[in-house]
Amino acid sequence: MPYVTVNKLNFYYRDDDFTDPWEEPEVVFIQHGWGRSSKFFYHWVPGLARDYRVLRRDMRGHGQSDDTPASDWTVDNLIEDMRGFLDELGVAKVHYIGESAGGVLGAAFAAKYPERIRSLTLMSTPLSDPTRGSDKYGYDDLAAKIESTPIDEFVEMLVKGRGLVPVSPGHEQWMASEWRKNRPASLAALARLFPNIDLAPVVPNIAAPTLILAPGNSHTAPLEHQKQMHQLMRGSRMEIIDGSGHELYFERFDECFTAFRSFLASVGTGFKEQAGSVP
């Protein structure tokens, strides 16, 4: 299985490239959010990999990547994980797609390493909200709830509550089974870290072409914050997508993918005529 070692941790990743073998394709790097893994973006690959090399990486403490002590969960470490990952693969620049926490990291990465970003897509990405880590799922202290609750019970609460929005019984079963693979310590560590991050001072410094895929009904990334982020990022493009909740990448895949495809075309990297159609 494909792993790279960065910062003394083994990172699992998926690498899909169905471009012509004599070409040197640009790279799309998809980074999942809290509690998810590279598997969760499987359906984005068919419409991208004929024209781009598509990388999906499991964040530290998620999926098949290594765990790390709670003290090592810092934004700087998470950014350096991504930089080191791209360095190990010899990838100089990417079209970055970040969902939720993955979007927060992408914005911070783009501000620190602008030379590594061809374009930036922020999906369901919080700007700043000091309460979102405490009550967005209905708990006074989300991290403490994770630590004190068996993972099966916690996932059931997420599915039945407002945290996860399955689109079918089969999707619900699959999503719950994947969430149960999470390590509670990693979920709790990230739940403690992200409420303290404020992107408002960061995003005005991002020079890369940026697409904001803004959920219309997310408790984690409220629409008013998405609009504020759009205003702070001069030249950014925002698409408001009305779903049931936070997970636009799945529930509203067609709209998200179409907007992303149009965005790539607008920054001069359009899809080939025969490829890139929505699966």
C-alpha atoms as a PDB file:
ATOM      1  CA  MET A   1       0.000   0.000   0.000  1.00  0.00           C
ATOM      2  CA  PRO A   2       1.270   3.528  -0.742  1.00  0.00           C
ATOM      3  CA  TYR A   3       2.771   5.325   2.230  1.00  0.00           C
ATOM      4  CA  VAL A   4       5.212   8.182   2.629  1.00  0.00           C
ATOM      5  CA  THR A   5       7.053   9.057   5.831  1.00  0.00           C
ATOM      6  CA  VAL A   6       6.927  12.698   6.897  1.00  0.00           C
ATOM      7  CA  ASN A   7       7.733  14.129  10.331  1.00  0.00           C
ATOM      8  CA  LYS A   8       8.374  10.560  11.542  1.00  0.00           C
ATOM      9  CA  LEU A   9       4.800   9.555  10.668  1.00  0.00           C
ATOM     10  CA  ASN A  10       3.597   7.202   7.946  1.00  0.00           C
ATOM     11  CA  PHE A  11       0.931   8.788   5.754  1.00  0.00           C
ATOM     12  CA  TYR A  12      -1.363   6.669   3.626  1.00  0.00           C
ATOM     13  CA  TYR A  13      -2.430   8.102   0.286  1.00  0.00           C
ATOM     14  CA  ARG A  14      -4.241   7.230  -2.932  1.00  0.00           C
ATOM     15  CA  ASP A  15      -2.749   8.194  -6.289  1.00  0.00           C
ATOM     16  CA  ASP A  16      -4.962   8.048  -9.401  1.00  0.00           C
ATOM     17  CA  ASP A  17      -3.641   9.097 -12.802  1.00  0.00           C
ATOM     18  CA  PHE A  18      -5.290   8.067 -16.072  1.00  0.00           C
ATOM     19  CA  THR A  19      -3.785  10.823 -18.167  1.00  0.00           C
ATOM     20  CA  ASP A  20      -1.830  10.010 -21.320  1.00  0.00           C
ATOM     21  CA  PRO A  21       1.495   8.456 -20.255  1.00  0.00           C
ATOM     22  CA  TRP A  22       3.581  10.890 -22.297  1.00  0.00           C
ATOM     23  CA  GLU A  23       1.997  13.893 -20.585  1.00  0.00           C
ATOM     24  CA  GLU A  24       3.036  15.524 -17.299  1.00  0.00           C
ATOM     25  CA  PRO A  25      -0.339  16.253 -15.742  1.00  0.00           C
ATOM     26  CA  GLU A  26      -1.127  18.896 -13.209  1.00  0.00           C
ATOM     27  CA  VAL A  27      -2.026  17.566  -9.772  1.00  0.00           C
ATOM     28  CA  VAL A  28      -5.305  17.833  -7.879  1.00  0.00           C
ATOM     29  CA  PHE A  29      -4.769  17.275  -4.152  1.00  0.00           C
ATOM     30  CA  ILE A  30      -7.928  16.455  -2.178  1.00  0.00           C
ATOM     31  CA  GLN A  31      -7.769  16.760   1.617  1.00  0.00           C
ATOM     32  CA  HIS A  32     -10.623  15.385   3.725  1.00  0.00           C
ATOM     33  CA  GLY A  33     -11.986  16.918   6.898  1.00  0.00           C
ATOM     34  CA  TRP A  34     -12.426  15.882  10.527  1.00  0.00           C
ATOM     35  CA  GLY A  35     -13.307  12.242  11.088  1.00  0.00           C
ATOM     36  CA  ARG A  36     -13.130  11.314   7.426  1.00  0.00           C
ATOM     37  CA  SER A  37     -10.455   9.795   5.205  1.00  0.00           C
ATOM     38  CA  SER A  38      -9.301   9.637   1.608  1.00  0.00           C
ATOM     39  CA  LYS A  39     -12.051   7.064   0.954  1.00  0.00           C
ATOM     40  CA  PHE A  40     -14.753   9.691   1.340  1.00  0.00           C
ATOM     41  CA  PHE A  41     -13.828  11.355  -1.956  1.00  0.00           C
ATOM     42  CA  TYR A  42     -13.817   8.194  -4.083  1.00  0.00           C
ATOM     43  CA  HIS A  43     -16.576   9.576  -6.329  1.00  0.00           C
ATOM     44  CA  TRP A  44     -14.543  12.648  -7.305  1.00  0.00           C
ATOM     45  CA  VAL A  45     -11.830  10.576  -8.960  1.00  0.00           C
ATOM     46  CA  PRO A  46     -13.493   9.323 -12.190  1.00  0.00           C
ATOM     47  CA  GLY A  47     -14.275  12.820 -13.423  1.00  0.00           C
ATOM     48  CA  LEU A  48     -10.793  14.141 -12.651  1.00  0.00           C
ATOM     49  CA  ALA A  49      -8.206  11.428 -13.216  1.00  0.00           C
ATOM     50  CA  ARG A  50      -8.385  11.390 -17.031  1.00  0.00           C
ATOM     51  CA  ASP A  51      -7.049  14.951 -17.057  1.00  0.00           C
ATOM     52  CA  TYR A  52      -5.194  15.261 -13.757  1.00  0.00           C
ATOM     53  CA  ARG A  53      -3.146  13.230 -11.359  1.00  0.00           C
ATOM     54  CA  VAL A  54      -5.384  13.002  -8.291  1.00  0.00           C
ATOM     55  CA  LEU A  55      -3.872  12.645  -4.819  1.00  0.00           C
ATOM     56  CA  ARG A  56      -5.928  11.869  -1.723  1.00  0.00           C
ATOM     57  CA  ARG A  57      -4.116  11.691   1.613  1.00  0.00           C
ATOM     58  CA  ASP A  58      -5.216  10.477   5.034  1.00  0.00           C
ATOM     59  CA  MET A  59      -4.529  13.207   7.575  1.00  0.00           C
ATOM     60  CA  ARG A  60      -2.478  12.235  10.622  1.00  0.00           C
ATOM     61  CA  GLY A  61      -4.611  10.273  13.058  1.00  0.00           C
ATOM     62  CA  HIS A  62      -7.163   9.468  10.342  1.00  0.00           C
ATOM     63  CA  GLY A  63      -7.742   6.573   7.978  1.00  0.00           C
ATOM     64  CA  GLN A  64      -4.614   4.458   7.608  1.00  0.00           C
ATOM     65  CA  SER A  65      -2.137   7.163   8.607  1.00  0.00           C
ATOM     66  CA  ASP A  66      -0.246   7.047  11.900  1.00  0.00           C
ATOM     67  CA  ASP A  67      -1.546   8.452  15.162  1.00  0.00           C
ATOM     68  CA  THR A  68       0.289  11.209  16.993  1.00  0.00           C
ATOM     69  CA  PRO A  69       0.350  12.485  20.601  1.00  0.00           C
ATOM     70  CA  ALA A  70      -2.200  15.156  21.496  1.00  0.00           C
ATOM     71  CA  SER A  71       0.581  17.700  22.002  1.00  0.00           C
ATOM     72  CA  ASP A  72       1.615  17.346  18.348  1.00  0.00           C
ATOM     73  CA  TRP A  73      -1.736  18.519  16.996  1.00  0.00           C
ATOM     74  CA  THR A  74      -0.795  22.020  15.870  1.00  0.00           C
ATOM     75  CA  VAL A  75      -1.626  23.908  12.691  1.00  0.00           C
ATOM     76  CA  ASP A  76       2.076  24.259  11.898  1.00  0.00           C
ATOM     77  CA  ASN A  77       2.610  20.509  12.171  1.00  0.00           C
ATOM     78  CA  LEU A  78      -0.404  19.764   9.988  1.00  0.00           C
ATOM     79  CA  ILE A  79       0.793  22.229   7.351  1.00  0.00           C
ATOM     80  CA  GLU A  80       4.290  20.758   7.400  1.00  0.00           C
ATOM     81  CA  ASP A  81       2.750  17.303   6.993  1.00  0.00           C
ATOM     82  CA  MET A  82       1.292  18.479   3.688  1.00  0.00           C
ATOM     83  CA  ARG A  83       4.452  20.214   2.532  1.00  0.00           C
ATOM     84  CA  GLY A  84       6.552  17.169   3.341  1.00  0.00           C
ATOM     85  CA  PHE A  85       4.052  14.873   1.638  1.00  0.00           C
ATOM     86  CA  LEU A  86       4.238  16.837  -1.610  1.00  0.00           C
ATOM     87  CA  ASP A  87       8.024  17.043  -1.353  1.00  0.00           C
ATOM     88  CA  GLU A  88       8.315  13.278  -0.941  1.00  0.00           C
ATOM     89  CA  LEU A  89       6.217  12.741  -4.068  1.00  0.00           C
ATOM     90  CA  GLY A  90       8.134  15.364  -6.031  1.00  0.00           C
ATOM     91  CA  VAL A  91       5.035  17.496  -6.573  1.00  0.00           C
ATOM     92  CA  ALA A  92       5.791  21.200  -6.876  1.00  0.00           C
ATOM     93  CA  LYS A  93       2.306  22.714  -7.284  1.00  0.00           C
ATOM     94  CA  VAL A  94      -1.267  21.533  -6.842  1.00  0.00           C
ATOM     95  CA  HIS A  95      -4.881  22.417  -7.339  1.00  0.00           C
ATOM     96  CA  TYR A  96      -5.923  22.017  -3.711  1.00  0.00           C
ATOM     97  CA  ILE A  97      -9.414  20.943  -2.631  1.00  0.00           C
ATOM     98  CA  GLY A  98     -10.016  21.053   1.111  1.00  0.00           C
ATOM     99  CA  GLU A  99     -13.252  20.045   2.809  1.00  0.00           C
ATOM    100  CA  SER A 100     -14.087  21.540   6.221  1.00  0.00           C
ATOM    101  CA  ALA A 101     -10.960  21.082   8.381  1.00  0.00           C
ATOM    102  CA  GLY A 102      -9.092  20.204   5.193  1.00  0.00           C
ATOM    103  CA  GLY A 103     -10.103  23.604   3.844  1.00  0.00           C
ATOM    104  CA  VAL A 104      -8.826  25.366   6.955  1.00  0.00           C
ATOM    105  CA  LEU A 105      -5.468  23.653   6.504  1.00  0.00           C
ATOM    106  CA  GLY A 106      -5.473  24.470   2.795  1.00  0.00           C
ATOM    107  CA  ALA A 107      -6.000  28.174   3.440  1.00  0.00           C
ATOM    108  CA  ALA A 108      -3.182  28.221   5.984  1.00  0.00           C
ATOM    109  CA  PHE A 109      -0.946  26.248   3.612  1.00  0.00           C
ATOM    110  CA  ALA A 110      -1.702  28.582   0.689  1.00  0.00           C
ATOM    111  CA  ALA A 111      -0.828  31.617   2.790  1.00  0.00           C
ATOM    112  CA  LYS A 112       2.476  30.116   3.968  1.00  0.00           C
ATOM    113  CA  TYR A 113       3.513  28.394   0.731  1.00  0.00           C
ATOM    114  CA  PRO A 114       1.890  30.360  -2.121  1.00  0.00           C
ATOM    115  CA  GLU A 115       4.358  28.921  -4.620  1.00  0.00           C
ATOM    116  CA  ARG A 116       2.861  25.439  -4.076  1.00  0.00           C
ATOM    117  CA  ILE A 117      -0.737  26.339  -4.983  1.00  0.00           C
ATOM    118  CA  ARG A 118      -2.098  26.616  -8.538  1.00  0.00           C
ATOM    119  CA  SER A 119      -5.646  27.078  -7.292  1.00  0.00           C
ATOM    120  CA  LEU A 120      -7.484  26.711  -4.003  1.00  0.00           C
ATOM    121  CA  THR A 121     -10.966  25.298  -3.458  1.00  0.00           C
ATOM    122  CA  LEU A 122     -12.466  25.668   0.015  1.00  0.00           C
ATOM    123  CA  MET A 123     -15.530  23.524   0.615  1.00  0.00           C
ATOM    124  CA  SER A 124     -17.669  23.905   3.762  1.00  0.00           C
ATOM    125  CA  THR A 125     -14.682  25.646   5.322  1.00  0.00           C
ATOM    126  CA  PRO A 126     -15.204  27.568   8.591  1.00  0.00           C
ATOM    127  CA  LEU A 127     -13.744  31.072   8.753  1.00  0.00           C
ATOM    128  CA  SER A 128     -13.813  31.595  12.495  1.00  0.00           C
ATOM    129  CA  ASP A 129     -16.298  30.902  15.244  1.00  0.00           C
ATOM    130  CA  PRO A 130     -15.227  30.413  18.876  1.00  0.00           C
ATOM    131  CA  THR A 131     -18.387  28.419  19.667  1.00  0.00           C
ATOM    132  CA  ARG A 132     -18.274  25.925  16.842  1.00  0.00           C
ATOM    133  CA  GLY A 133     -16.098  23.437  18.709  1.00  0.00           C
ATOM    134  CA  SER A 134     -18.377  23.391  21.730  1.00  0.00           C
ATOM    135  CA  ASP A 135     -21.961  23.299  20.537  1.00  0.00           C
ATOM    136  CA  LYS A 136     -22.097  22.541  16.829  1.00  0.00           C
ATOM    137  CA  TYR A 137     -23.167  18.962  17.545  1.00  0.00           C
ATOM    138  CA  GLY A 138     -25.227  19.853  20.588  1.00  0.00           C
ATOM    139  CA  TYR A 139     -22.555  19.176  23.240  1.00  0.00           C
ATOM    140  CA  ASP A 140     -21.011  21.646  25.685  1.00  0.00           C
ATOM    141  CA  ASP A 141     -17.568  20.104  25.115  1.00  0.00           C
ATOM    142  CA  LEU A 142     -17.308  18.022  21.952  1.00  0.00           C
ATOM    143  CA  ALA A 143     -13.800  16.727  22.684  1.00  0.00           C
ATOM    144  CA  ALA A 144     -14.775  15.605  26.181  1.00  0.00           C
ATOM    145  CA  LYS A 145     -17.880  13.923  24.781  1.00  0.00           C
ATOM    146  CA  ILE A 146     -15.740  11.983  22.304  1.00  0.00           C
ATOM    147  CA  GLU A 147     -13.361  10.861  25.044  1.00  0.00           C
ATOM    148  CA  SER A 148     -16.134   9.725  27.363  1.00  0.00           C
ATOM    149  CA  THR A 149     -18.338   7.947  24.819  1.00  0.00           C
ATOM    150  CA  PRO A 150     -17.736   4.597  23.069  1.00  0.00           C
ATOM    151  CA  ILE A 151     -17.046   5.235  19.396  1.00  0.00           C
ATOM    152  CA  ASP A 152     -20.078   3.218  18.231  1.00  0.00           C
ATOM    153  CA  GLU A 153     -22.374   5.276  20.433  1.00  0.00           C
ATOM    154  CA  PHE A 154     -20.782   8.562  19.366  1.00  0.00           C
ATOM    155  CA  VAL A 155     -21.155   7.744  15.668  1.00  0.00           C
ATOM    156  CA  GLU A 156     -24.791   6.791  16.195  1.00  0.00           C
ATOM    157  CA  MET A 157     -25.379  10.186  17.801  1.00  0.00           C
ATOM    158  CA  LEU A 158     -23.727  11.913  14.841  1.00  0.00           C
ATOM    159  CA  VAL A 159     -25.851  10.065  12.306  1.00  0.00           C
ATOM    160  CA  LYS A 160     -29.090  10.638  14.199  1.00  0.00           C
ATOM    161  CA  GLY A 161     -28.198  14.215  15.065  1.00  0.00           C
ATOM    162  CA  ARG A 162     -27.198  17.037  12.778  1.00  0.00           C
ATOM    163  CA  GLY A 163     -23.578  16.043  12.339  1.00  0.00           C
ATOM    164  CA  LEU A 164     -23.864  13.626   9.395  1.00  0.00           C
ATOM    165  CA  VAL A 165     -26.450  13.646   6.616  1.00  0.00           C
ATOM    166  CA  PRO A 166     -26.620  10.332   4.725  1.00  0.00           C
ATOM    167  CA  VAL A 167     -28.328  10.348   1.338  1.00  0.00           C
ATOM    168  CA  SER A 168     -29.537   6.724   1.419  1.00  0.00           C
ATOM    169  CA  PRO A 169     -29.686   3.750   3.813  1.00  0.00           C
ATOM    170  CA  GLY A 170     -26.656   2.227   2.106  1.00  0.00           C
ATOM    171  CA  HIS A 171     -24.710   5.463   2.400  1.00  0.00           C
ATOM    172  CA  GLU A 172     -25.631   5.723   6.073  1.00  0.00           C
ATOM    173  CA  GLN A 173     -24.393   2.195   6.768  1.00  0.00           C
ATOM    174  CA  TRP A 174     -21.137   2.744   4.887  1.00  0.00           C
ATOM    175  CA  MET A 175     -20.492   6.168   6.397  1.00  0.00           C
ATOM    176  CA  ALA A 176     -21.132   4.929   9.933  1.00  0.00           C
ATOM    177  CA  SER A 177     -18.814   1.949   9.413  1.00  0.00           C
ATOM    178  CA  GLU A 178     -16.039   4.262   8.225  1.00  0.00           C
ATOM    179  CA  TRP A 179     -16.542   6.696  11.101  1.00  0.00           C
ATOM    180  CA  ARG A 180     -16.295   3.823  13.593  1.00  0.00           C
ATOM    181  CA  LYS A 181     -12.731   3.225  12.381  1.00  0.00           C
ATOM    182  CA  ASN A 182     -11.703   6.588  13.828  1.00  0.00           C
ATOM    183  CA  ARG A 183      -9.468   6.764  16.875  1.00  0.00           C
ATOM    184  CA  PRO A 184     -11.244   8.806  19.563  1.00  0.00           C
ATOM    185  CA  ALA A 185      -8.011  10.444  20.728  1.00  0.00           C
ATOM    186  CA  SER A 186      -7.399  11.898  17.263  1.00  0.00           C
ATOM    187  CA  LEU A 187     -10.985  13.093  16.905  1.00  0.00           C
ATOM    188  CA  ALA A 188     -10.787  14.783  20.299  1.00  0.00           C
ATOM    189  CA  ALA A 189      -7.412  16.398  19.574  1.00  0.00           C
ATOM    190  CA  LEU A 190      -8.628  17.925  16.317  1.00  0.00           C
ATOM    191  CA  ALA A 191     -11.904  18.988  17.956  1.00  0.00           C
ATOM    192  CA  ARG A 192      -9.854  20.928  20.509  1.00  0.00           C
ATOM    193  CA  LEU A 193      -7.539  22.493  17.943  1.00  0.00           C
ATOM    194  CA  PHE A 194      -9.860  23.899  15.304  1.00  0.00           C
ATOM    195  CA  PRO A 195     -12.146  26.137  17.416  1.00  0.00           C
ATOM    196  CA  ASN A 196      -9.054  28.223  18.188  1.00  0.00           C
ATOM    197  CA  ILE A 197      -8.197  28.878  14.534  1.00  0.00           C
ATOM    198  CA  ASP A 198      -9.188  32.200  12.997  1.00  0.00           C
ATOM    199  CA  LEU A 199      -8.695  32.427   9.241  1.00  0.00           C
ATOM    200  CA  ALA A 200      -9.846  36.053   9.009  1.00  0.00           C
ATOM    201  CA  PRO A 201      -6.286  37.461   9.254  1.00  0.00           C
ATOM    202  CA  VAL A 202      -4.962  34.729   6.937  1.00  0.00           C
ATOM    203  CA  VAL A 203      -7.206  34.626   3.876  1.00  0.00           C
ATOM    204  CA  PRO A 204      -6.580  38.208   2.647  1.00  0.00           C
ATOM    205  CA  ASN A 205      -2.962  37.170   2.057  1.00  0.00           C
ATOM    206  CA  ILE A 206      -3.835  34.289  -0.276  1.00  0.00           C
ATOM    207  CA  ALA A 207      -2.872  35.076  -3.860  1.00  0.00           C
ATOM    208  CA  ALA A 208      -4.048  31.872  -5.551  1.00  0.00           C
ATOM    209  CA  PRO A 209      -7.294  31.777  -7.551  1.00  0.00           C
ATOM    210  CA  THR A 210      -9.876  30.606  -5.021  1.00  0.00           C
ATOM    211  CA  LEU A 211     -13.282  28.949  -5.221  1.00  0.00           C
ATOM    212  CA  ILE A 212     -15.483  28.917  -2.118  1.00  0.00           C
ATOM    213  CA  LEU A 213     -18.130  26.189  -2.144  1.00  0.00           C
ATOM    214  CA  ALA A 214     -20.412  27.557   0.546  1.00  0.00           C
ATOM    215  CA  PRO A 215     -23.069  25.413   2.230  1.00  0.00           C
ATOM    216  CA  GLY A 216     -26.391  27.119   2.743  1.00  0.00           C
ATOM    217  CA  ASN A 217     -27.299  25.145   5.880  1.00  0.00           C
ATOM    218  CA  SER A 218     -24.161  24.248   7.824  1.00  0.00           C
ATOM    219  CA  HIS A 219     -23.827  24.772  11.575  1.00  0.00           C
ATOM    220  CA  THR A 220     -20.068  24.397  11.245  1.00  0.00           C
ATOM    221  CA  ALA A 221     -19.550  26.817   8.351  1.00  0.00           C
ATOM    222  CA  PRO A 222     -22.422  29.339   8.536  1.00  0.00           C
ATOM    223  CA  LEU A 223     -23.306  31.109   5.313  1.00  0.00           C
ATOM    224  CA  GLU A 224     -22.634  34.555   6.769  1.00  0.00           C
ATOM    225  CA  HIS A 225     -19.071  33.467   7.512  1.00  0.00           C
ATOM    226  CA  GLN A 226     -18.691  32.127   3.979  1.00  0.00           C
ATOM    227  CA  LYS A 227     -19.759  35.504   2.617  1.00  0.00           C
ATOM    228  CA  GLN A 228     -17.301  37.254   4.912  1.00  0.00           C
ATOM    229  CA  MET A 229     -14.487  35.008   3.707  1.00  0.00           C
ATOM    230  CA  HIS A 230     -15.435  35.768   0.101  1.00  0.00           C
ATOM    231  CA  GLN A 231     -15.238  39.500   0.838  1.00  0.00           C
ATOM    232  CA  LEU A 232     -11.848  39.114   2.515  1.00  0.00           C
ATOM    233  CA  MET A 233     -10.408  37.194  -0.446  1.00  0.00           C
ATOM    234  CA  ARG A 234     -10.268  39.669  -3.299  1.00  0.00           C
ATOM    235  CA  GLY A 235     -10.954  37.990  -6.607  1.00  0.00           C
ATOM    236  CA  SER A 236     -12.334  34.817  -5.047  1.00  0.00           C
ATOM    237  CA  ARG A 237     -15.366  33.095  -6.509  1.00  0.00           C
ATOM    238  CA  MET A 238     -18.192  31.809  -4.311  1.00  0.00           C
ATOM    239  CA  GLU A 239     -20.902  29.288  -5.139  1.00  0.00           C
ATOM    240  CA  ILE A 240     -23.697  28.891  -2.576  1.00  0.00           C
ATOM    241  CA  ILE A 241     -24.981  25.326  -2.549  1.00  0.00           C
ATOM    242  CA  ASP A 242     -28.090  24.537  -0.550  1.00  0.00           C
ATOM    243  CA  GLY A 243     -27.823  21.110   1.003  1.00  0.00           C
ATOM    244  CA  SER A 244     -29.240  19.611   4.174  1.00  0.00           C
ATOM    245  CA  GLY A 245     -26.101  20.286   6.136  1.00  0.00           C
ATOM    246  CA  HIS A 246     -22.333  20.371   6.015  1.00  0.00           C
ATOM    247  CA  GLU A 247     -21.241  17.540   3.722  1.00  0.00           C
ATOM    248  CA  LEU A 248     -21.723  19.091   0.296  1.00  0.00           C
ATOM    249  CA  TYR A 249     -19.005  16.950  -1.277  1.00  0.00           C
ATOM    250  CA  PHE A 250     -21.369  13.967  -1.148  1.00  0.00           C
ATOM    251  CA  GLU A 251     -24.929  15.212  -0.782  1.00  0.00           C
ATOM    252  CA  ARG A 252     -24.527  17.857  -3.505  1.00  0.00           C
ATOM    253  CA  PHE A 253     -21.734  16.262  -5.503  1.00  0.00           C
ATOM    254  CA  ASP A 254     -23.068  17.199  -8.948  1.00  0.00           C
ATOM    255  CA  GLU A 255     -23.277  20.905  -8.118  1.00  0.00           C
ATOM    256  CA  CYS A 256     -19.890  20.890  -6.379  1.00  0.00           C
ATOM    257  CA  PHE A 257     -18.131  19.053  -9.186  1.00  0.00           C
ATOM    258  CA  THR A 258     -19.670  21.214 -11.909  1.00  0.00           C
ATOM    259  CA  ALA A 259     -18.612  24.376 -10.067  1.00  0.00           C
ATOM    260  CA  PHE A 260     -15.108  23.011  -9.579  1.00  0.00           C
ATOM    261  CA  ARG A 261     -14.789  22.024 -13.232  1.00  0.00           C
ATOM    262  CA  SER A 262     -15.922  25.486 -14.343  1.00  0.00           C
ATOM    263  CA  PHE A 263     -13.470  27.063 -11.910  1.00  0.00           C
ATOM    264  CA  LEU A 264     -10.534  25.064 -13.266  1.00  0.00           C
ATOM    265  CA  ALA A 265     -11.474  26.096 -16.786  1.00  0.00           C
ATOM    266  CA  SER A 266     -11.543  29.737 -15.680  1.00  0.00           C
ATOM    267  CA  VAL A 267      -7.987  29.550 -14.346  1.00  0.00           C
ATOM    268  CA  GLY A 268      -6.732  28.138 -17.626  1.00  0.00           C
ATOM    269  CA  THR A 269      -6.693  24.423 -16.909  1.00  0.00           C
ATOM    270  CA  GLY A 270      -9.862  23.221 -18.571  1.00  0.00           C
ATOM    271  CA  PHE A 271     -10.822  19.595 -19.009  1.00  0.00           C
ATOM    272  CA  LYS A 272     -10.438  17.779 -22.282  1.00  0.00           C
ATOM    273  CA  GLU A 273     -13.622  17.781 -24.313  1.00  0.00           C
ATOM    274  CA  GLN A 274     -14.167  14.029 -24.007  1.00  0.00           C
ATOM    275  CA  ALA A 275     -13.363  13.825 -20.307  1.00  0.00           C
ATOM    276  CA  GLY A 276     -14.253  15.432 -17.045  1.00  0.00           C
ATOM    277  CA  SER A 277     -17.978  14.807 -17.260  1.00  0.00           C
ATOM    278  CA  VAL A 278     -19.859  14.388 -14.033  1.00  0.00           C
ATOM    279  CA  PRO A 279     -20.030  10.656 -13.230  1.00  0.00           C
END
